[in-house]
Amino acid sequence: MVIRNVELETVCGITSRLPDHTLPEFAFAGKSNVGKSSLINALMNRKALARTSAQPGKTQTINFYNINGELYYVDLPGYGYAKVPQSEKEKWGRMVERYLRGSKMLKSVFLLVDIRHEPSGNDRMMYDWIVSNGFHPAIIATKLDKLKRSQVAKQVKMIRDGLGLSKEDRLFPFSALTKQGREEIWAYIEGIPEPPQAQS
């Protein structure tokens, strides 16, 4: 897809009302510092629209990015390592669950994991939680540029095994630095059928 226009349209906090969109939504989840903002920037062909940070837990809201007036990227709060009180994390969890269950236009959820490491307990919990909310997440294995090419197949198998993925489940190795995997992810997004609500 040619990215002509990108806008951070809506930012939802814990008490915010979720937007009632008529365009398809694609959500991105992942633990803090897995490279979610870098991925979203790369997919949008922007350098710094989604704020990146060395400090875990920077994204504390649900951010809706309007792409070309055709679809939304939805950046969900990171989980796992954020130095915030447990009560705050629970509020984030309820906010994300409200979104996953309440959005009529959510077509797909992407779960980001670090390709260098075996999926953590938090990763597995998030995967199972997304599934329990009615979605089958596609996996994006970030930080691909940190590996030698000869290591990739072994790490991909480790992630598949760690999350209990089937052969049919999609996994995209990705590098924000080299943009490897970007076109494959876009092709997947463009190939997902419209939600029933969007069809006339």
N, C-alpha and C. Protein backbone atom coordinates (compact mmCIF):
# COMPACT_ATOMS: atom_id res chain seq x y z
N MET A 1 0.85 -1.20 0.00
CA MET A 1 0.00 0.00 0.00
C MET A 1 0.88 1.25 0.00
N VAL A 2 0.49 2.24 -0.79
CA VAL A 2 1.17 3.53 -0.79
C VAL A 2 0.57 4.37 0.33
N ILE A 3 1.40 4.80 1.28
CA ILE A 3 0.92 5.59 2.42
C ILE A 3 0.90 7.06 2.02
N ARG A 4 -0.27 7.61 1.85
CA ARG A 4 -0.40 9.02 1.47
C ARG A 4 -0.61 9.92 2.68
N ASN A 5 -1.37 9.43 3.66
CA ASN A 5 -1.72 10.29 4.79
C ASN A 5 -1.87 9.44 6.05
N VAL A 6 -1.24 9.88 7.12
CA VAL A 6 -1.34 9.19 8.41
C VAL A 6 -1.64 10.23 9.48
N GLU A 7 -2.58 9.89 10.35
CA GLU A 7 -2.94 10.83 11.41
C GLU A 7 -3.23 10.08 12.69
N LEU A 8 -2.62 10.54 13.80
CA LEU A 8 -3.00 10.02 15.11
C LEU A 8 -4.34 10.67 15.45
N GLU A 9 -5.41 9.91 15.26
CA GLU A 9 -6.75 10.50 15.29
C GLU A 9 -7.37 10.49 16.67
N THR A 10 -7.19 9.39 17.41
CA THR A 10 -7.85 9.25 18.71
C THR A 10 -6.89 8.62 19.71
N VAL A 11 -6.87 9.17 20.92
CA VAL A 11 -6.10 8.60 22.03
C VAL A 11 -7.07 8.31 23.16
N CYS A 12 -7.18 7.04 23.55
CA CYS A 12 -8.14 6.64 24.58
C CYS A 12 -7.41 6.24 25.86
N GLY A 13 -7.77 6.89 26.95
CA GLY A 13 -7.26 6.51 28.26
C GLY A 13 -8.21 5.53 28.94
N ILE A 14 -7.93 5.29 30.20
CA ILE A 14 -8.67 4.27 30.93
C ILE A 14 -10.17 4.58 31.01
N THR A 15 -10.51 5.88 31.13
CA THR A 15 -11.93 6.24 31.28
C THR A 15 -12.55 6.71 29.97
N SER A 16 -11.77 6.71 28.88
CA SER A 16 -12.30 7.23 27.61
C SER A 16 -13.33 6.30 26.99
N ARG A 17 -14.22 6.91 26.24
CA ARG A 17 -15.16 6.13 25.43
C ARG A 17 -14.45 5.73 24.14
N LEU A 18 -14.56 4.45 23.79
CA LEU A 18 -13.89 3.98 22.58
C LEU A 18 -14.60 4.51 21.34
N PRO A 19 -13.84 4.85 20.30
CA PRO A 19 -14.47 5.39 19.08
C PRO A 19 -15.31 4.34 18.38
N ASP A 20 -16.35 4.79 17.71
CA ASP A 20 -17.25 3.90 16.96
C ASP A 20 -16.91 4.04 15.48
N HIS A 21 -15.90 3.31 15.04
CA HIS A 21 -15.39 3.47 13.68
C HIS A 21 -16.21 2.69 12.65
N THR A 22 -16.10 3.12 11.41
CA THR A 22 -16.70 2.38 10.29
C THR A 22 -15.61 1.85 9.36
N LEU A 23 -14.33 2.08 9.72
CA LEU A 23 -13.21 1.57 8.93
C LEU A 23 -12.57 0.39 9.66
N PRO A 24 -11.95 -0.54 8.91
CA PRO A 24 -11.29 -1.70 9.54
C PRO A 24 -10.19 -1.28 10.50
N GLU A 25 -10.04 -2.05 11.57
CA GLU A 25 -9.01 -1.79 12.58
C GLU A 25 -8.08 -3.00 12.69
N PHE A 26 -6.80 -2.72 12.89
CA PHE A 26 -5.78 -3.75 13.10
C PHE A 26 -5.01 -3.38 14.36
N ALA A 27 -5.04 -4.25 15.35
CA ALA A 27 -4.46 -3.93 16.65
C ALA A 27 -3.10 -4.61 16.83
N PHE A 28 -2.22 -3.92 17.56
CA PHE A 28 -0.86 -4.41 17.81
C PHE A 28 -0.63 -4.47 19.32
N ALA A 29 -0.28 -5.68 19.79
CA ALA A 29 -0.02 -5.90 21.21
C ALA A 29 1.39 -6.45 21.37
N GLY A 30 1.98 -6.19 22.51
CA GLY A 30 3.32 -6.73 22.77
C GLY A 30 3.84 -6.18 24.08
N LYS A 31 4.81 -6.89 24.67
CA LYS A 31 5.33 -6.42 25.94
C LYS A 31 6.14 -5.14 25.74
N SER A 32 6.35 -4.43 26.82
CA SER A 32 7.08 -3.18 26.77
C SER A 32 8.46 -3.40 26.15
N ASN A 33 8.85 -2.47 25.27
CA ASN A 33 10.17 -2.48 24.63
C ASN A 33 10.39 -3.60 23.62
N VAL A 34 9.32 -4.20 23.11
CA VAL A 34 9.49 -5.24 22.08
C VAL A 34 9.65 -4.63 20.69
N GLY A 35 9.41 -3.32 20.59
CA GLY A 35 9.57 -2.66 19.30
C GLY A 35 8.26 -2.36 18.60
N LYS A 36 7.17 -2.20 19.38
CA LYS A 36 5.85 -1.99 18.80
C LYS A 36 5.76 -0.65 18.07
N SER A 37 6.22 0.42 18.74
CA SER A 37 6.16 1.74 18.10
C SER A 37 7.03 1.78 16.85
N SER A 38 8.20 1.13 16.90
CA SER A 38 9.09 1.09 15.73
C SER A 38 8.44 0.34 14.57
N LEU A 39 7.75 -0.75 14.88
CA LEU A 39 7.03 -1.50 13.85
C LEU A 39 5.94 -0.64 13.22
N ILE A 40 5.13 0.00 14.06
CA ILE A 40 4.03 0.81 13.55
C ILE A 40 4.56 1.96 12.68
N ASN A 41 5.63 2.60 13.13
CA ASN A 41 6.25 3.66 12.32
C ASN A 41 6.71 3.11 10.97
N ALA A 42 7.32 1.93 10.98
CA ALA A 42 7.82 1.34 9.74
C ALA A 42 6.67 1.00 8.80
N LEU A 43 5.59 0.44 9.33
CA LEU A 43 4.44 0.10 8.49
C LEU A 43 3.79 1.35 7.91
N MET A 44 3.80 2.44 8.69
CA MET A 44 3.19 3.69 8.24
C MET A 44 4.14 4.52 7.39
N ASN A 45 5.40 4.04 7.28
CA ASN A 45 6.41 4.78 6.52
C ASN A 45 6.66 6.16 7.13
N ARG A 46 6.64 6.21 8.44
CA ARG A 46 6.92 7.45 9.17
C ARG A 46 8.05 7.18 10.16
N LYS A 47 8.81 8.22 10.47
CA LYS A 47 9.96 8.01 11.34
C LYS A 47 9.58 8.05 12.82
N ALA A 48 8.64 8.91 13.19
CA ALA A 48 8.43 9.09 14.63
C ALA A 48 7.00 9.47 14.99
N LEU A 49 6.03 8.98 14.25
CA LEU A 49 4.64 9.32 14.60
C LEU A 49 4.23 8.56 15.86
N ALA A 50 4.50 7.26 15.88
CA ALA A 50 4.32 6.49 17.12
C ALA A 50 5.58 6.69 17.94
N ARG A 51 5.42 7.18 19.17
CA ARG A 51 6.58 7.55 19.98
C ARG A 51 7.31 6.32 20.49
N THR A 52 8.60 6.27 20.19
CA THR A 52 9.43 5.18 20.71
C THR A 52 10.15 5.68 21.96
N SER A 53 10.50 4.74 22.82
CA SER A 53 11.15 5.13 24.07
C SER A 53 11.98 3.98 24.60
N ALA A 54 13.11 4.32 25.23
CA ALA A 54 13.92 3.30 25.89
C ALA A 54 13.30 2.92 27.23
N GLN A 55 12.32 3.69 27.67
CA GLN A 55 11.68 3.44 28.95
C GLN A 55 10.44 2.57 28.77
N PRO A 56 10.43 1.36 29.31
CA PRO A 56 9.27 0.49 29.15
C PRO A 56 8.00 1.13 29.68
N GLY A 57 6.88 0.80 29.03
CA GLY A 57 5.60 1.28 29.51
C GLY A 57 5.24 2.67 29.03
N LYS A 58 5.87 3.12 27.94
CA LYS A 58 5.59 4.48 27.43
C LYS A 58 4.16 4.60 26.94
N THR A 59 3.68 3.57 26.23
CA THR A 59 2.31 3.62 25.72
C THR A 59 1.35 3.21 26.83
N GLN A 60 0.59 4.18 27.36
CA GLN A 60 -0.35 3.90 28.43
C GLN A 60 -1.79 4.15 27.98
N THR A 61 -1.95 4.35 26.68
CA THR A 61 -3.26 4.63 26.11
C THR A 61 -3.45 3.72 24.90
N ILE A 62 -4.69 3.68 24.38
CA ILE A 62 -4.94 3.01 23.11
C ILE A 62 -4.94 4.11 22.04
N ASN A 63 -4.01 4.02 21.10
CA ASN A 63 -3.83 5.05 20.09
C ASN A 63 -4.32 4.56 18.73
N PHE A 64 -5.17 5.35 18.11
CA PHE A 64 -5.77 5.00 16.82
C PHE A 64 -5.14 5.86 15.72
N TYR A 65 -4.44 5.21 14.78
CA TYR A 65 -3.82 5.90 13.65
C TYR A 65 -4.65 5.67 12.39
N ASN A 66 -5.13 6.75 11.80
CA ASN A 66 -5.90 6.68 10.56
C ASN A 66 -4.93 6.64 9.38
N ILE A 67 -4.99 5.56 8.58
CA ILE A 67 -4.11 5.38 7.44
C ILE A 67 -4.89 5.63 6.15
N ASN A 68 -4.56 6.71 5.46
CA ASN A 68 -5.17 7.02 4.14
C ASN A 68 -6.68 7.15 4.18
N GLY A 69 -7.27 7.30 5.38
CA GLY A 69 -8.72 7.33 5.45
C GLY A 69 -9.35 6.00 5.09
N GLU A 70 -8.54 4.90 5.16
CA GLU A 70 -9.02 3.58 4.73
C GLU A 70 -9.05 2.56 5.85
N LEU A 71 -8.17 2.72 6.84
CA LEU A 71 -8.10 1.74 7.93
C LEU A 71 -7.41 2.38 9.12
N TYR A 72 -7.45 1.68 10.25
CA TYR A 72 -6.80 2.15 11.47
C TYR A 72 -5.78 1.12 11.96
N TYR A 73 -4.63 1.64 12.40
CA TYR A 73 -3.71 0.86 13.23
C TYR A 73 -4.01 1.25 14.67
N VAL A 74 -4.13 0.24 15.53
CA VAL A 74 -4.47 0.48 16.92
C VAL A 74 -3.32 -0.01 17.80
N ASP A 75 -2.66 0.93 18.45
CA ASP A 75 -1.50 0.64 19.29
C ASP A 75 -1.98 0.43 20.72
N LEU A 76 -1.86 -0.81 21.21
CA LEU A 76 -2.32 -1.15 22.56
C LEU A 76 -1.20 -0.97 23.57
N PRO A 77 -1.52 -0.69 24.84
CA PRO A 77 -0.48 -0.51 25.86
C PRO A 77 0.41 -1.75 25.98
N GLY A 78 1.71 -1.52 26.18
CA GLY A 78 2.63 -2.63 26.38
C GLY A 78 2.39 -3.31 27.72
N TYR A 79 2.82 -4.54 27.82
CA TYR A 79 2.63 -5.27 29.08
C TYR A 79 3.97 -5.83 29.55
N GLY A 80 4.02 -6.23 30.80
CA GLY A 80 5.17 -7.00 31.29
C GLY A 80 6.12 -6.23 32.19
N TYR A 81 6.88 -5.29 31.63
CA TYR A 81 7.98 -4.72 32.40
C TYR A 81 7.78 -3.28 32.84
N ALA A 82 6.65 -2.70 32.55
CA ALA A 82 6.44 -1.29 32.89
C ALA A 82 6.50 -1.10 34.41
N LYS A 83 7.24 -0.07 34.82
CA LYS A 83 7.37 0.21 36.26
C LYS A 83 6.17 1.04 36.73
N VAL A 84 5.04 0.39 36.76
CA VAL A 84 3.82 1.05 37.23
C VAL A 84 3.16 0.14 38.25
N PRO A 85 2.32 0.71 39.12
CA PRO A 85 1.66 -0.12 40.13
C PRO A 85 0.79 -1.20 39.49
N GLN A 86 0.65 -2.31 40.20
CA GLN A 86 -0.17 -3.42 39.72
C GLN A 86 -1.60 -2.97 39.43
N SER A 87 -2.11 -2.08 40.27
CA SER A 87 -3.49 -1.60 40.07
C SER A 87 -3.62 -0.89 38.73
N GLU A 88 -2.57 -0.17 38.33
CA GLU A 88 -2.59 0.53 37.05
C GLU A 88 -2.56 -0.47 35.89
N LYS A 89 -1.73 -1.51 36.03
CA LYS A 89 -1.66 -2.55 35.00
C LYS A 89 -3.02 -3.23 34.82
N GLU A 90 -3.71 -3.46 35.94
CA GLU A 90 -5.02 -4.10 35.86
C GLU A 90 -6.02 -3.21 35.13
N LYS A 91 -5.91 -1.89 35.34
CA LYS A 91 -6.78 -0.95 34.62
C LYS A 91 -6.49 -1.00 33.12
N TRP A 92 -5.20 -1.06 32.76
CA TRP A 92 -4.83 -1.18 31.34
C TRP A 92 -5.44 -2.45 30.76
N GLY A 93 -5.33 -3.55 31.53
CA GLY A 93 -5.86 -4.83 31.05
C GLY A 93 -7.35 -4.76 30.79
N ARG A 94 -8.08 -4.13 31.70
CA ARG A 94 -9.52 -3.99 31.51
C ARG A 94 -9.84 -3.11 30.31
N MET A 95 -9.01 -2.07 30.11
CA MET A 95 -9.21 -1.17 28.97
C MET A 95 -9.00 -1.92 27.66
N VAL A 96 -7.94 -2.72 27.59
CA VAL A 96 -7.66 -3.49 26.37
C VAL A 96 -8.75 -4.52 26.13
N GLU A 97 -9.19 -5.20 27.20
CA GLU A 97 -10.25 -6.19 27.05
C GLU A 97 -11.54 -5.55 26.56
N ARG A 98 -11.84 -4.36 27.09
CA ARG A 98 -13.03 -3.62 26.65
C ARG A 98 -12.94 -3.32 25.15
N TYR A 99 -11.72 -2.99 24.70
CA TYR A 99 -11.55 -2.71 23.27
C TYR A 99 -11.70 -3.99 22.44
N LEU A 100 -11.02 -5.07 22.84
CA LEU A 100 -11.07 -6.31 22.06
C LEU A 100 -12.49 -6.84 21.95
N ARG A 101 -13.25 -6.71 23.03
CA ARG A 101 -14.62 -7.23 23.02
C ARG A 101 -15.62 -6.25 22.42
N GLY A 102 -15.28 -4.96 22.45
CA GLY A 102 -16.26 -3.96 22.06
C GLY A 102 -16.14 -3.44 20.64
N SER A 103 -14.95 -3.56 20.03
CA SER A 103 -14.78 -3.00 18.69
C SER A 103 -15.52 -3.84 17.65
N LYS A 104 -16.34 -3.18 16.85
CA LYS A 104 -17.07 -3.88 15.79
C LYS A 104 -16.24 -4.02 14.53
N MET A 105 -15.15 -3.24 14.43
CA MET A 105 -14.38 -3.19 13.18
C MET A 105 -12.99 -3.81 13.30
N LEU A 106 -12.68 -4.43 14.44
CA LEU A 106 -11.36 -5.06 14.62
C LEU A 106 -11.27 -6.32 13.78
N LYS A 107 -10.36 -6.30 12.81
CA LYS A 107 -10.23 -7.42 11.88
C LYS A 107 -9.15 -8.40 12.29
N SER A 108 -8.09 -7.90 12.92
CA SER A 108 -6.98 -8.79 13.26
C SER A 108 -6.15 -8.19 14.39
N VAL A 109 -5.58 -9.07 15.21
CA VAL A 109 -4.68 -8.66 16.28
C VAL A 109 -3.30 -9.24 15.99
N PHE A 110 -2.29 -8.40 16.06
CA PHE A 110 -0.91 -8.84 15.91
C PHE A 110 -0.25 -8.84 17.29
N LEU A 111 0.42 -9.95 17.61
CA LEU A 111 1.17 -10.03 18.86
C LEU A 111 2.66 -10.01 18.54
N LEU A 112 3.37 -9.06 19.12
CA LEU A 112 4.81 -8.91 18.87
C LEU A 112 5.60 -9.63 19.94
N VAL A 113 6.60 -10.40 19.51
CA VAL A 113 7.54 -11.04 20.43
C VAL A 113 8.95 -10.79 19.91
N ASP A 114 9.92 -10.86 20.79
CA ASP A 114 11.32 -10.66 20.42
C ASP A 114 11.87 -11.96 19.84
N ILE A 115 12.33 -11.93 18.59
CA ILE A 115 12.77 -13.15 17.91
C ILE A 115 13.99 -13.77 18.59
N ARG A 116 14.70 -13.01 19.41
CA ARG A 116 15.93 -13.52 20.04
C ARG A 116 15.66 -14.43 21.24
N HIS A 117 14.43 -14.34 21.77
CA HIS A 117 14.16 -15.03 23.04
C HIS A 117 12.95 -15.95 22.95
N GLU A 118 12.96 -16.97 23.76
CA GLU A 118 11.78 -17.83 23.88
C GLU A 118 10.63 -17.01 24.44
N PRO A 119 9.40 -17.22 23.97
CA PRO A 119 8.27 -16.45 24.50
C PRO A 119 8.20 -16.54 26.02
N SER A 120 8.02 -15.39 26.66
CA SER A 120 7.96 -15.34 28.12
C SER A 120 6.59 -15.80 28.61
N GLY A 121 6.48 -15.96 29.93
CA GLY A 121 5.18 -16.29 30.50
C GLY A 121 4.15 -15.24 30.16
N ASN A 122 4.58 -13.96 30.17
CA ASN A 122 3.67 -12.87 29.81
C ASN A 122 3.23 -12.97 28.36
N ASP A 123 4.16 -13.34 27.46
CA ASP A 123 3.81 -13.50 26.04
C ASP A 123 2.77 -14.60 25.86
N ARG A 124 3.00 -15.73 26.53
CA ARG A 124 2.07 -16.86 26.40
C ARG A 124 0.70 -16.51 26.99
N MET A 125 0.74 -15.79 28.11
CA MET A 125 -0.51 -15.37 28.74
C MET A 125 -1.29 -14.41 27.82
N MET A 126 -0.56 -13.48 27.19
CA MET A 126 -1.21 -12.53 26.30
C MET A 126 -1.78 -13.24 25.07
N TYR A 127 -1.02 -14.19 24.54
CA TYR A 127 -1.51 -14.96 23.39
C TYR A 127 -2.81 -15.67 23.74
N ASP A 128 -2.81 -16.38 24.86
CA ASP A 128 -4.00 -17.12 25.28
C ASP A 128 -5.17 -16.18 25.55
N TRP A 129 -4.85 -15.00 26.11
CA TRP A 129 -5.89 -14.03 26.46
C TRP A 129 -6.54 -13.47 25.20
N ILE A 130 -5.72 -13.17 24.17
CA ILE A 130 -6.26 -12.68 22.90
C ILE A 130 -7.16 -13.75 22.28
N VAL A 131 -6.70 -15.01 22.32
CA VAL A 131 -7.51 -16.11 21.78
C VAL A 131 -8.83 -16.23 22.53
N SER A 132 -8.76 -16.08 23.86
CA SER A 132 -9.98 -16.20 24.68
C SER A 132 -10.97 -15.07 24.39
N ASN A 133 -10.48 -13.97 23.82
CA ASN A 133 -11.35 -12.85 23.45
C ASN A 133 -11.85 -12.97 22.02
N GLY A 134 -11.59 -14.13 21.39
CA GLY A 134 -12.20 -14.41 20.10
C GLY A 134 -11.34 -14.12 18.89
N PHE A 135 -10.05 -13.87 19.09
CA PHE A 135 -9.15 -13.58 17.97
C PHE A 135 -8.03 -14.60 17.89
N HIS A 136 -7.52 -14.78 16.69
CA HIS A 136 -6.38 -15.67 16.50
C HIS A 136 -5.21 -14.81 16.04
N PRO A 137 -4.34 -14.39 16.96
CA PRO A 137 -3.34 -13.39 16.60
C PRO A 137 -2.29 -13.89 15.61
N ALA A 138 -1.91 -13.02 14.70
CA ALA A 138 -0.72 -13.26 13.88
C ALA A 138 0.48 -12.78 14.69
N ILE A 139 1.58 -13.49 14.59
CA ILE A 139 2.76 -13.17 15.39
C ILE A 139 3.77 -12.38 14.54
N ILE A 140 4.30 -11.31 15.12
CA ILE A 140 5.40 -10.58 14.48
C ILE A 140 6.62 -10.72 15.39
N ALA A 141 7.65 -11.37 14.87
CA ALA A 141 8.89 -11.60 15.63
C ALA A 141 9.86 -10.48 15.31
N THR A 142 10.00 -9.54 16.24
CA THR A 142 10.77 -8.31 16.01
C THR A 142 12.27 -8.51 16.24
N LYS A 143 13.02 -7.46 15.87
CA LYS A 143 14.48 -7.38 16.08
C LYS A 143 15.23 -8.43 15.26
N LEU A 144 14.71 -8.70 14.06
CA LEU A 144 15.31 -9.69 13.16
C LEU A 144 16.76 -9.34 12.81
N ASP A 145 17.06 -8.05 12.75
CA ASP A 145 18.43 -7.63 12.38
C ASP A 145 19.47 -7.99 13.43
N LYS A 146 19.01 -8.38 14.63
CA LYS A 146 19.95 -8.76 15.70
C LYS A 146 20.46 -10.20 15.54
N LEU A 147 19.88 -10.94 14.57
CA LEU A 147 20.27 -12.34 14.36
C LEU A 147 21.10 -12.49 13.09
N LYS A 148 21.92 -13.53 13.07
CA LYS A 148 22.53 -13.97 11.81
C LYS A 148 21.46 -14.72 11.01
N ARG A 149 21.58 -14.68 9.71
CA ARG A 149 20.58 -15.33 8.87
C ARG A 149 20.46 -16.82 9.20
N SER A 150 21.58 -17.44 9.56
CA SER A 150 21.57 -18.88 9.85
C SER A 150 20.80 -19.21 11.13
N GLN A 151 20.53 -18.20 11.97
CA GLN A 151 19.84 -18.45 13.24
C GLN A 151 18.32 -18.33 13.13
N VAL A 152 17.85 -17.73 12.05
CA VAL A 152 16.44 -17.33 11.97
C VAL A 152 15.49 -18.51 12.08
N ALA A 153 15.72 -19.56 11.29
CA ALA A 153 14.79 -20.71 11.27
C ALA A 153 14.68 -21.34 12.65
N LYS A 154 15.80 -21.46 13.35
CA LYS A 154 15.79 -22.06 14.69
C LYS A 154 14.97 -21.21 15.66
N GLN A 155 15.14 -19.87 15.59
CA GLN A 155 14.42 -18.97 16.50
C GLN A 155 12.92 -18.95 16.19
N VAL A 156 12.59 -19.00 14.91
CA VAL A 156 11.18 -19.03 14.52
C VAL A 156 10.51 -20.29 15.06
N LYS A 157 11.20 -21.43 14.95
CA LYS A 157 10.65 -22.69 15.48
C LYS A 157 10.47 -22.60 17.00
N MET A 158 11.43 -21.98 17.68
CA MET A 158 11.36 -21.84 19.14
C MET A 158 10.13 -21.02 19.54
N ILE A 159 9.85 -19.97 18.78
CA ILE A 159 8.68 -19.13 19.09
C ILE A 159 7.40 -19.90 18.78
N ARG A 160 7.36 -20.57 17.64
CA ARG A 160 6.17 -21.37 17.30
C ARG A 160 5.89 -22.40 18.38
N ASP A 161 6.93 -23.11 18.80
CA ASP A 161 6.76 -24.14 19.83
C ASP A 161 6.34 -23.50 21.16
N GLY A 162 6.98 -22.36 21.49
CA GLY A 162 6.72 -21.70 22.77
C GLY A 162 5.30 -21.19 22.91
N LEU A 163 4.70 -20.78 21.79
CA LEU A 163 3.33 -20.27 21.83
C LEU A 163 2.31 -21.34 21.44
N GLY A 164 2.81 -22.51 21.03
CA GLY A 164 1.90 -23.59 20.63
C GLY A 164 1.17 -23.29 19.33
N LEU A 165 1.89 -22.68 18.36
CA LEU A 165 1.27 -22.32 17.09
C LEU A 165 1.14 -23.54 16.19
N SER A 166 0.13 -23.52 15.34
CA SER A 166 -0.02 -24.56 14.32
C SER A 166 0.69 -24.10 13.04
N LYS A 167 0.79 -24.99 12.05
CA LYS A 167 1.43 -24.63 10.78
C LYS A 167 0.67 -23.51 10.07
N GLU A 168 -0.63 -23.46 10.31
CA GLU A 168 -1.47 -22.45 9.63
C GLU A 168 -1.32 -21.07 10.25
N ASP A 169 -0.87 -21.00 11.50
CA ASP A 169 -0.74 -19.70 12.18
C ASP A 169 0.38 -18.89 11.54
N ARG A 170 0.11 -17.60 11.30
CA ARG A 170 1.07 -16.75 10.61
C ARG A 170 2.09 -16.17 11.58
N LEU A 171 3.36 -16.21 11.15
CA LEU A 171 4.44 -15.60 11.91
C LEU A 171 5.33 -14.83 10.94
N PHE A 172 5.58 -13.57 11.25
CA PHE A 172 6.37 -12.70 10.37
C PHE A 172 7.64 -12.24 11.08
N PRO A 173 8.81 -12.74 10.68
CA PRO A 173 10.04 -12.13 11.18
C PRO A 173 10.14 -10.70 10.66
N PHE A 174 10.56 -9.76 11.52
CA PHE A 174 10.54 -8.35 11.13
C PHE A 174 11.71 -7.59 11.73
N SER A 175 12.24 -6.65 10.94
CA SER A 175 13.27 -5.73 11.42
C SER A 175 12.84 -4.30 11.13
N ALA A 176 12.76 -3.48 12.19
CA ALA A 176 12.45 -2.06 12.01
C ALA A 176 13.62 -1.34 11.35
N LEU A 177 14.81 -1.90 11.53
CA LEU A 177 16.02 -1.26 10.97
C LEU A 177 16.10 -1.44 9.46
N THR A 178 15.93 -2.68 9.00
CA THR A 178 16.06 -2.96 7.56
C THR A 178 14.71 -2.97 6.84
N LYS A 179 13.61 -2.94 7.60
CA LYS A 179 12.24 -3.02 7.08
C LYS A 179 11.91 -4.40 6.50
N GLN A 180 12.79 -5.39 6.74
CA GLN A 180 12.49 -6.75 6.28
C GLN A 180 11.23 -7.26 6.97
N GLY A 181 10.30 -7.78 6.20
CA GLY A 181 9.03 -8.27 6.72
C GLY A 181 7.90 -7.28 6.55
N ARG A 182 8.23 -6.02 6.27
CA ARG A 182 7.19 -4.98 6.16
C ARG A 182 6.19 -5.30 5.05
N GLU A 183 6.69 -5.66 3.87
CA GLU A 183 5.78 -5.92 2.74
C GLU A 183 4.91 -7.14 2.98
N GLU A 184 5.48 -8.15 3.64
CA GLU A 184 4.71 -9.37 3.93
C GLU A 184 3.56 -9.06 4.90
N ILE A 185 3.84 -8.22 5.90
CA ILE A 185 2.79 -7.86 6.87
C ILE A 185 1.70 -7.05 6.18
N TRP A 186 2.10 -6.10 5.32
CA TRP A 186 1.11 -5.30 4.60
C TRP A 186 0.26 -6.19 3.68
N ALA A 187 0.90 -7.13 3.01
CA ALA A 187 0.16 -8.04 2.12
C ALA A 187 -0.86 -8.85 2.91
N TYR A 188 -0.48 -9.27 4.11
CA TYR A 188 -1.39 -10.02 4.97
C TYR A 188 -2.58 -9.14 5.37
N ILE A 189 -2.30 -7.90 5.79
CA ILE A 189 -3.35 -6.97 6.19
C ILE A 189 -4.33 -6.72 5.03
N GLU A 190 -3.78 -6.51 3.84
CA GLU A 190 -4.63 -6.20 2.69
C GLU A 190 -5.43 -7.42 2.23
N GLY A 191 -5.00 -8.61 2.63
CA GLY A 191 -5.68 -9.83 2.20
C GLY A 191 -6.76 -10.31 3.14
N ILE A 192 -6.91 -9.65 4.31
CA ILE A 192 -7.92 -10.07 5.27
C ILE A 192 -9.27 -9.53 4.83
N PRO A 193 -10.30 -10.38 4.77
CA PRO A 193 -11.61 -9.91 4.30
C PRO A 193 -12.22 -8.88 5.24
N GLU A 194 -13.11 -8.06 4.69
CA GLU A 194 -13.79 -7.04 5.48
C GLU A 194 -14.66 -7.70 6.56
N PRO A 195 -14.80 -7.03 7.72
CA PRO A 195 -15.74 -7.54 8.72
C PRO A 195 -17.16 -7.46 8.17
N PRO A 196 -18.05 -8.34 8.65
CA PRO A 196 -19.44 -8.34 8.15
C PRO A 196 -20.11 -6.98 8.26
N GLN A 197 -19.79 -6.21 9.34
CA GLN A 197 -20.45 -4.93 9.55
C GLN A 197 -20.11 -3.93 8.46
N ALA A 198 -18.93 -4.13 7.82
CA ALA A 198 -18.47 -3.16 6.84
C ALA A 198 -18.99 -3.47 5.43
N GLN A 199 -19.57 -4.65 5.25
CA GLN A 199 -20.05 -5.04 3.93
C GLN A 199 -21.46 -4.52 3.71
N SER A 200 -21.71 -4.05 2.50
CA SER A 200 -23.04 -3.55 2.20
C SER A 200 -23.84 -4.59 1.42
